[in-house]
Amino acid sequence: MKDYRELYIQGILDIAEEHGLDYTREQLDPMPEDELIALRDRLRMKYENIHFKRYC
């Protein structure tokens, strides 16, 4: 079975790096998987909206 938890963490870290946010693996490791998913989704929505507004 694939480790989706690691993919969620990496997705958050990628967004954080791209936008200068202060998230670290040490902060994210103890979080439950459902919280990781929610955080990743919130970050995606926030920063996708910024990119969308920038090009409109």
C-alpha atoms as a PDB file:
ATOM      1  CA  MET A   1       0.000   0.000   0.000  1.00  0.00           C
ATOM      2  CA  LYS A   2       1.284   3.437  -0.900  1.00  0.00           C
ATOM      3  CA  ASP A   3       2.128   5.864   1.891  1.00  0.00           C
ATOM      4  CA  TYR A   4      -0.286   8.700   1.173  1.00  0.00           C
ATOM      5  CA  ARG A   5       0.634  10.422   4.427  1.00  0.00           C
ATOM      6  CA  GLU A   6       4.100  11.131   3.012  1.00  0.00           C
ATOM      7  CA  LEU A   7       2.538  12.549  -0.162  1.00  0.00           C
ATOM      8  CA  TYR A   8       0.317  14.888   1.892  1.00  0.00           C
ATOM      9  CA  ILE A   9       3.308  16.114   3.905  1.00  0.00           C
ATOM     10  CA  GLN A  10       5.401  16.637   0.781  1.00  0.00           C
ATOM     11  CA  GLY A  11       2.553  18.542  -0.867  1.00  0.00           C
ATOM     12  CA  ILE A  12       2.299  20.902   2.109  1.00  0.00           C
ATOM     13  CA  LEU A  13       6.066  21.391   2.208  1.00  0.00           C
ATOM     14  CA  ASP A  14       6.141  22.145  -1.537  1.00  0.00           C
ATOM     15  CA  ILE A  15       3.447  24.825  -1.187  1.00  0.00           C
ATOM     16  CA  ALA A  16       5.207  26.232   1.883  1.00  0.00           C
ATOM     17  CA  GLU A  17       8.528  26.471   0.077  1.00  0.00           C
ATOM     18  CA  GLU A  18       7.001  28.075  -3.001  1.00  0.00           C
ATOM     19  CA  HIS A  19       5.200  30.762  -0.982  1.00  0.00           C
ATOM     20  CA  GLY A  20       7.647  31.328   1.874  1.00  0.00           C
ATOM     21  CA  LEU A  21       5.472  29.728   4.555  1.00  0.00           C
ATOM     22  CA  ASP A  22       6.913  28.395   7.793  1.00  0.00           C
ATOM     23  CA  TYR A  23       5.983  24.692   7.827  1.00  0.00           C
ATOM     24  CA  THR A  24       8.492  21.971   8.694  1.00  0.00           C
ATOM     25  CA  ARG A  25       8.381  18.198   8.582  1.00  0.00           C
ATOM     26  CA  GLU A  26       8.787  18.179  12.380  1.00  0.00           C
ATOM     27  CA  GLN A  27       5.560  20.201  12.715  1.00  0.00           C
ATOM     28  CA  LEU A  28       3.642  18.022  10.280  1.00  0.00           C
ATOM     29  CA  ASP A  29       4.755  14.512  11.342  1.00  0.00           C
ATOM     30  CA  PRO A  30       2.645  14.330  14.536  1.00  0.00           C
ATOM     31  CA  MET A  31      -0.522  15.597  12.816  1.00  0.00           C
ATOM     32  CA  PRO A  32      -3.277  13.069  12.041  1.00  0.00           C
ATOM     33  CA  GLU A  33      -3.793  12.232   8.371  1.00  0.00           C
ATOM     34  CA  ASP A  34      -7.189  13.967   8.166  1.00  0.00           C
ATOM     35  CA  GLU A  35      -5.658  17.223   9.463  1.00  0.00           C
ATOM     36  CA  LEU A  36      -2.855  16.957   6.897  1.00  0.00           C
ATOM     37  CA  ILE A  37      -5.408  16.560   4.115  1.00  0.00           C
ATOM     38  CA  ALA A  38      -7.411  19.550   5.367  1.00  0.00           C
ATOM     39  CA  LEU A  39      -4.297  21.742   5.664  1.00  0.00           C
ATOM     40  CA  ARG A  40      -3.068  20.778   2.202  1.00  0.00           C
ATOM     41  CA  ASP A  41      -6.482  21.509   0.703  1.00  0.00           C
ATOM     42  CA  ARG A  42      -6.753  24.902   2.453  1.00  0.00           C
ATOM     43  CA  LEU A  43      -3.293  25.907   1.245  1.00  0.00           C
ATOM     44  CA  ARG A  44      -4.087  24.782  -2.286  1.00  0.00           C
ATOM     45  CA  MET A  45      -7.328  26.759  -2.383  1.00  0.00           C
ATOM     46  CA  LYS A  46      -5.718  29.885  -0.942  1.00  0.00           C
ATOM     47  CA  TYR A  47      -2.715  29.922  -3.242  1.00  0.00           C
ATOM     48  CA  GLU A  48      -4.533  28.719  -6.356  1.00  0.00           C
ATOM     49  CA  ASN A  49      -6.919  31.655  -5.873  1.00  0.00           C
ATOM     50  CA  ILE A  50      -3.962  34.051  -5.629  1.00  0.00           C
ATOM     51  CA  HIS A  51      -2.549  32.708  -8.891  1.00  0.00           C
ATOM     52  CA  PHE A  52      -5.968  32.866 -10.534  1.00  0.00           C
ATOM     53  CA  LYS A  53      -6.514  36.501  -9.493  1.00  0.00           C
ATOM     54  CA  ARG A  54      -3.021  37.444 -10.596  1.00  0.00           C
ATOM     55  CA  TYR A  55      -3.723  36.330 -14.189  1.00  0.00           C
ATOM     56  CA  CYS A  56      -7.235  37.756 -14.508  1.00  0.00           C
END
